[in-house]
């Protein structure tokens, strides 16, 4: 089981790095985050339906769920959809490195929500180790050349919604409903939520925006990029949900942070991004805080006195 979990985590990381680089590249010539967010989940839904139709049900919906199961999935699925859009609004507004540095705060949200919803407490050393993460995020944000409040606030909001998603998804999983099925139905709900929002927010300018994008990069690359980014998005989230089924919500948050380290530095290299000294120091402090948090979370609680 440990080897399988590590394998899921590594695939999750690799697919996520690829997704982030392609996603940001698309925003450079097609700055429509509401629409692109919707494309992500539509491609994922098509993938799930395709797997189901050809008989690979274990790689899709699995089975028809009950009304009770749908009720358990609806909450986290809604948070997933809203958090997904919020994250993409941030990606479109600021550098990838800033969005993911802000999102290193996700364990803080998971700690609070795990306590409030699941009743799972976190050791005090782990809670205290969140302080350098917060300090690092503050320094990195203040020193980032691309900083704006739209990018920062939407990244913070996605932390909250994804925290709810992680905790509630853990509650929704059971021995009869796999993590793959949970995410397939989450994708279905996300399409229902994201599609009308995209039409409301960007529908009026969408035709002209698509024509401008095609004029820049060509129709083949435009449609190919949208399909591929949607596929990468679905697959990386699928592996993330598979991982969540095997670890606690807080540990899942820590895995998220380690993943962001890889994304931050790969994006800096890929886009030849200039980071100020303050932004670099803040990012490193946040990463160091993440290491301390991970180590503190591994330590077992002290045994009770006899």
Protein backbone atom coordinates (compact mmCIF):
# COMPACT_ATOMS: atom_id res chain seq x y z
CA UNK A 1 0.00 0.00 0.00
CA UNK A 2 2.86 2.41 0.77
CA UNK A 3 4.44 1.89 -2.64
CA UNK A 4 1.08 2.41 -4.36
CA UNK A 5 0.49 5.63 -2.43
CA UNK A 6 3.94 6.95 -3.40
CA UNK A 7 3.22 6.06 -7.01
CA UNK A 8 -0.05 8.00 -6.92
CA UNK A 9 1.72 11.00 -5.40
CA UNK A 10 4.47 11.01 -8.05
CA UNK A 11 1.95 10.79 -10.89
CA UNK A 12 -0.10 13.54 -9.24
CA UNK A 13 2.99 15.78 -9.13
CA UNK A 14 4.11 15.13 -12.71
CA UNK A 15 0.65 15.68 -14.20
CA UNK A 16 0.12 18.79 -12.10
CA UNK A 17 3.38 20.42 -13.20
CA UNK A 18 2.46 19.77 -16.83
CA UNK A 19 -1.02 21.17 -16.27
CA UNK A 20 0.21 24.38 -14.62
CA UNK A 21 2.74 25.18 -17.33
CA UNK A 22 0.27 24.58 -20.16
CA UNK A 23 -2.56 26.35 -18.33
CA UNK A 24 -0.51 29.53 -17.82
CA UNK A 25 0.65 29.39 -21.44
CA UNK A 26 -2.99 29.37 -22.56
CA UNK A 27 -3.83 32.37 -20.39
CA UNK A 28 -1.11 34.34 -22.16
CA UNK A 29 -3.05 34.22 -25.45
CA UNK A 30 -6.57 33.41 -24.19
CA UNK A 31 -7.20 35.28 -20.89
CA UNK A 32 -10.60 33.79 -20.12
CA UNK A 33 -10.21 31.97 -16.76
CA UNK A 34 -13.92 31.28 -16.22
CA UNK A 35 -14.16 29.63 -19.63
CA UNK A 36 -10.88 27.72 -19.35
CA UNK A 37 -11.96 26.44 -15.92
CA UNK A 38 -15.14 25.11 -17.49
CA UNK A 39 -13.22 23.47 -20.34
CA UNK A 40 -11.12 21.64 -17.76
CA UNK A 41 -14.13 19.91 -16.19
CA UNK A 42 -15.97 19.35 -19.49
CA UNK A 43 -12.99 17.45 -20.89
CA UNK A 44 -12.86 15.50 -17.62
CA UNK A 45 -16.54 14.62 -17.90
CA UNK A 46 -16.11 13.44 -21.50
CA UNK A 47 -13.20 11.26 -20.32
CA UNK A 48 -15.33 9.73 -17.55
CA UNK A 49 -18.25 9.05 -19.89
CA UNK A 50 -15.89 7.50 -22.44
CA UNK A 51 -14.37 5.18 -19.84
CA UNK A 52 -17.82 4.18 -18.64
CA UNK A 53 -19.16 3.49 -22.14
CA UNK A 54 -16.25 1.22 -23.14
CA UNK A 55 -16.69 -0.80 -19.96
CA UNK A 56 -13.87 0.63 -17.81
CA UNK A 57 -16.27 1.60 -15.06
CA UNK A 58 -13.65 1.40 -12.32
CA UNK A 59 -11.84 4.26 -14.10
CA UNK A 60 -15.02 6.32 -14.16
CA UNK A 61 -18.31 6.55 -12.25
CA UNK A 62 -18.17 2.95 -11.08
CA UNK A 63 -21.91 2.63 -10.59
CA UNK A 64 -25.07 4.65 -10.19
CA UNK A 65 -24.97 6.22 -6.75
CA UNK A 66 -27.80 6.53 -4.25
CA UNK A 67 -29.50 9.78 -3.28
CA UNK A 68 -27.70 9.66 0.08
CA UNK A 69 -24.31 9.23 -1.59
CA UNK A 70 -25.02 12.08 -3.98
CA UNK A 71 -25.93 14.28 -1.04
CA UNK A 72 -22.57 13.46 0.59
CA UNK A 73 -20.69 14.29 -2.63
CA UNK A 74 -22.58 17.49 -3.49
CA UNK A 75 -20.94 19.66 -0.81
CA UNK A 76 -17.29 18.87 -1.62
CA UNK A 77 -18.05 18.86 -5.35
CA UNK A 78 -19.46 22.37 -5.11
CA UNK A 79 -16.38 23.52 -3.18
CA UNK A 80 -14.21 21.87 -5.81
CA UNK A 81 -15.91 23.76 -8.63
CA UNK A 82 -15.78 27.13 -6.89
CA UNK A 83 -12.21 26.65 -5.70
CA UNK A 84 -11.15 25.57 -9.16
CA UNK A 85 -12.47 28.76 -10.72
CA UNK A 86 -10.90 30.87 -7.96
CA UNK A 87 -7.50 29.25 -8.51
CA UNK A 88 -7.67 29.90 -12.24
CA UNK A 89 -8.64 33.53 -11.68
CA UNK A 90 -5.44 33.79 -9.63
CA UNK A 91 -3.32 31.95 -12.22
CA UNK A 92 -4.53 34.33 -14.91
CA UNK A 93 -3.88 37.43 -12.78
CA UNK A 94 -0.40 36.78 -11.33
CA UNK A 95 2.67 34.58 -11.77
CA UNK A 96 2.26 30.85 -11.05
CA UNK A 97 4.93 31.12 -8.35
CA UNK A 98 2.90 33.69 -6.38
CA UNK A 99 -0.36 31.74 -6.57
CA UNK A 100 1.29 28.56 -5.35
CA UNK A 101 3.26 30.37 -2.66
CA UNK A 102 -0.02 31.78 -1.30
CA UNK A 103 -1.52 28.32 -1.54
CA UNK A 104 1.20 26.90 0.74
CA UNK A 105 -1.18 28.14 3.44
CA UNK A 106 -3.59 25.33 2.58
CA UNK A 107 -2.49 23.15 5.55
CA UNK A 108 -3.56 25.96 7.90
CA UNK A 109 -7.06 25.81 6.47
CA UNK A 110 -7.03 22.01 6.63
CA UNK A 111 -5.95 22.04 10.28
CA UNK A 112 -8.87 24.26 11.27
CA UNK A 113 -11.43 22.46 9.11
CA UNK A 114 -10.26 18.98 10.16
CA UNK A 115 -10.82 20.01 13.77
CA UNK A 116 -14.18 21.66 13.17
CA UNK A 117 -15.67 19.06 10.83
CA UNK A 118 -13.88 15.76 11.52
CA UNK A 119 -12.84 16.39 15.12
CA UNK A 120 -9.23 15.54 14.22
CA UNK A 121 -6.81 17.61 16.28
CA UNK A 122 -3.31 18.58 15.13
CA UNK A 123 -0.30 18.55 17.51
CA UNK A 124 0.76 21.97 18.79
CA UNK A 125 4.28 21.78 17.22
CA UNK A 126 2.66 21.24 13.83
CA UNK A 127 0.33 24.19 14.37
CA UNK A 128 3.26 26.42 15.42
CA UNK A 129 5.22 25.38 12.35
CA UNK A 130 2.55 27.05 10.21
CA UNK A 131 3.85 30.45 11.37
CA UNK A 132 6.92 30.53 9.08
CA UNK A 133 4.68 29.50 6.19
CA UNK A 134 2.48 32.52 6.87
CA UNK A 135 5.51 34.82 7.22
CA UNK A 136 7.01 33.47 4.00
CA UNK A 137 3.79 33.97 2.08
CA UNK A 138 3.61 37.56 3.33
CA UNK A 139 7.19 38.32 2.25
CA UNK A 140 6.80 36.62 -1.12
CA UNK A 141 3.55 38.45 -1.84
CA UNK A 142 4.98 41.85 -0.91
CA UNK A 143 8.07 41.26 -3.07
CA UNK A 144 6.38 39.75 -6.12
CA UNK A 145 6.55 41.96 -9.22
CA UNK A 146 3.27 40.60 -10.61
CA UNK A 147 1.36 41.00 -7.33
CA UNK A 148 -2.21 42.29 -7.40
CA UNK A 149 -5.07 41.86 -4.96
CA UNK A 150 -7.21 39.94 -7.43
CA UNK A 151 -4.59 37.22 -7.74
CA UNK A 152 -3.89 37.13 -3.99
CA UNK A 153 -7.51 37.12 -2.79
CA UNK A 154 -8.67 34.46 -5.23
CA UNK A 155 -5.74 32.22 -4.24
CA UNK A 156 -6.70 32.62 -0.58
CA UNK A 157 -10.34 31.87 -1.35
CA UNK A 158 -9.32 28.71 -3.20
CA UNK A 159 -7.42 27.63 -0.06
CA UNK A 160 -10.66 27.82 1.91
CA UNK A 161 -12.79 26.02 -0.63
CA UNK A 162 -10.22 23.30 -1.30
CA UNK A 163 -9.87 22.81 2.44
CA UNK A 164 -13.59 22.10 2.64
CA UNK A 165 -13.31 19.86 -0.40
CA UNK A 166 -10.52 17.76 1.14
CA UNK A 167 -12.31 17.26 4.46
CA UNK A 168 -15.77 16.64 3.03
CA UNK A 169 -14.42 14.32 0.33
CA UNK A 170 -12.82 12.21 3.03
CA UNK A 171 -16.22 11.92 4.68
CA UNK A 172 -17.88 10.97 1.38
CA UNK A 173 -15.47 8.12 0.60
CA UNK A 174 -16.45 4.62 1.67
CA UNK A 175 -15.62 1.00 0.94
CA UNK A 176 -18.43 0.88 -1.61
CA UNK A 177 -17.61 4.16 -3.38
CA UNK A 178 -14.04 4.52 -4.63
CA UNK A 179 -12.05 7.74 -4.82
CA UNK A 180 -12.20 7.44 -8.62
CA UNK A 181 -15.99 7.38 -8.56
CA UNK A 182 -16.11 10.28 -6.09
CA UNK A 183 -14.03 12.42 -8.42
CA UNK A 184 -16.03 11.39 -11.51
CA UNK A 185 -19.25 12.55 -9.86
CA UNK A 186 -17.43 15.65 -8.58
CA UNK A 187 -16.54 16.46 -12.18
CA UNK A 188 -20.17 16.06 -13.23
CA UNK A 189 -21.34 18.49 -10.54
CA UNK A 190 -18.52 20.89 -11.45
CA UNK A 191 -19.67 21.06 -15.07
CA UNK A 192 -23.19 21.97 -13.94
CA UNK A 193 -21.83 24.75 -11.71
CA UNK A 194 -19.03 26.13 -13.91
CA UNK A 195 -20.81 26.26 -17.27
CA UNK A 196 -23.48 28.88 -16.42
CA UNK A 197 -20.93 30.94 -14.47
CA UNK A 198 -18.59 31.04 -17.48
CA UNK A 199 -21.41 32.08 -19.81
CA UNK A 200 -22.50 34.83 -17.42
CA UNK A 201 -19.01 36.20 -16.77
CA UNK A 202 -17.37 35.82 -20.19
CA UNK A 203 -20.01 34.70 -22.69
CA UNK A 204 -20.36 38.09 -24.33
CA UNK A 205 -16.67 38.40 -25.21
CA UNK A 206 -15.95 34.70 -25.78
CA UNK A 207 -16.38 34.60 -29.58
CA UNK A 208 -14.06 37.56 -30.15
CA UNK A 209 -11.56 36.19 -27.62
CA UNK A 210 -11.43 32.79 -29.30
CA UNK A 211 -10.98 34.37 -32.72
CA UNK A 212 -8.11 36.51 -31.41
CA UNK A 213 -6.45 33.49 -29.82
CA UNK A 214 -6.73 31.46 -33.03
CA UNK A 215 -5.24 34.35 -34.97
CA UNK A 216 -2.21 34.27 -32.63
CA UNK A 217 -1.48 30.55 -32.33
CA UNK A 218 -3.64 28.84 -34.97
CA UNK A 219 -6.77 26.73 -34.58
CA UNK A 220 -4.92 23.44 -34.16
CA UNK A 221 -2.84 24.63 -31.21
CA UNK A 222 -5.76 26.50 -29.65
CA UNK A 223 -8.13 23.53 -29.57
CA UNK A 224 -5.32 21.06 -28.92
CA UNK A 225 -4.09 23.03 -25.92
CA UNK A 226 -7.60 23.28 -24.46
CA UNK A 227 -8.17 19.54 -24.81
CA UNK A 228 -4.76 18.60 -23.40
CA UNK A 229 -4.97 20.99 -20.44
CA UNK A 230 -8.40 19.58 -19.59
CA UNK A 231 -7.09 16.02 -19.76
CA UNK A 232 -4.08 16.87 -17.58
CA UNK A 233 -6.37 18.62 -15.11
CA UNK A 234 -8.68 15.62 -14.80
CA UNK A 235 -5.91 13.07 -14.46
CA UNK A 236 -3.88 15.00 -11.87
CA UNK A 237 -7.01 15.50 -9.77
CA UNK A 238 -7.86 11.83 -10.13
CA UNK A 239 -4.49 10.88 -8.66
CA UNK A 240 -4.95 13.54 -5.96
CA UNK A 241 -8.27 11.94 -4.94
CA UNK A 242 -6.69 8.48 -5.02
CA UNK A 243 -4.04 9.82 -2.64
CA UNK A 244 -6.65 11.43 -0.38
CA UNK A 245 -8.34 8.07 0.11
CA UNK A 246 -5.06 6.73 1.55
CA UNK A 247 -4.01 9.63 3.81
CA UNK A 248 -5.56 12.11 6.24
CA UNK A 249 -6.79 15.52 5.02
CA UNK A 250 -3.89 17.26 6.79
CA UNK A 251 -1.33 14.92 5.22
CA UNK A 252 -3.02 15.51 1.88
CA UNK A 253 -2.54 19.23 2.43
CA UNK A 254 1.16 18.66 3.11
CA UNK A 255 1.48 16.66 -0.11
CA UNK A 256 -0.15 19.60 -1.85
CA UNK A 257 2.50 21.95 -0.49
CA UNK A 258 5.42 19.74 -1.58
CA UNK A 259 3.82 19.58 -5.01
CA UNK A 260 3.69 23.37 -5.11
CA UNK A 261 7.45 23.54 -4.50
CA UNK A 262 8.02 21.60 -7.72
CA UNK A 263 5.51 23.76 -9.59
CA UNK A 264 6.96 27.05 -8.33
CA UNK A 265 10.51 26.33 -9.45
CA UNK A 266 9.56 24.59 -12.68
CA UNK A 267 7.40 27.59 -13.66
CA UNK A 268 10.20 30.06 -12.84
CA UNK A 269 12.53 28.14 -15.16
CA UNK A 270 9.95 27.48 -17.89
CA UNK A 271 8.73 31.07 -18.17
CA UNK A 272 12.11 32.63 -17.37
CA UNK A 273 10.41 34.51 -14.55
CA UNK A 274 12.30 37.20 -12.64
CA UNK A 275 11.85 36.85 -8.88
CA UNK A 276 12.94 39.61 -6.52
CA UNK A 277 15.23 38.74 -3.61
CA UNK A 278 12.37 39.32 -1.18
CA UNK A 279 10.03 37.05 -3.15
CA UNK A 280 12.67 34.33 -3.29
CA UNK A 281 13.42 34.60 0.43
CA UNK A 282 9.71 34.52 1.26
CA UNK A 283 9.18 31.46 -0.91
CA UNK A 284 12.10 29.66 0.74
CA UNK A 285 10.82 30.51 4.22
CA UNK A 286 7.39 29.15 3.30
CA UNK A 287 9.00 25.96 1.99
CA UNK A 288 11.09 25.62 5.16
CA UNK A 289 7.93 26.05 7.22
CA UNK A 290 6.36 23.28 5.18
CA UNK A 291 9.26 20.97 6.03
CA UNK A 292 8.87 21.77 9.75
CA UNK A 293 5.14 21.16 9.50
CA UNK A 294 5.69 17.81 7.81
CA UNK A 295 8.18 16.68 10.46
CA UNK A 296 5.96 17.86 13.32
CA UNK A 297 2.96 16.06 11.83
CA UNK A 298 4.90 12.76 11.75
CA UNK A 299 5.65 12.78 15.47
CA UNK A 300 3.20 10.66 17.49
CA UNK A 301 1.35 12.22 20.38
CA UNK A 302 2.93 11.71 23.80
CA UNK A 303 1.51 8.65 25.64
CA UNK A 304 -0.93 9.34 28.43
CA UNK A 305 0.29 8.80 31.99
CA UNK A 306 -0.87 5.56 33.56
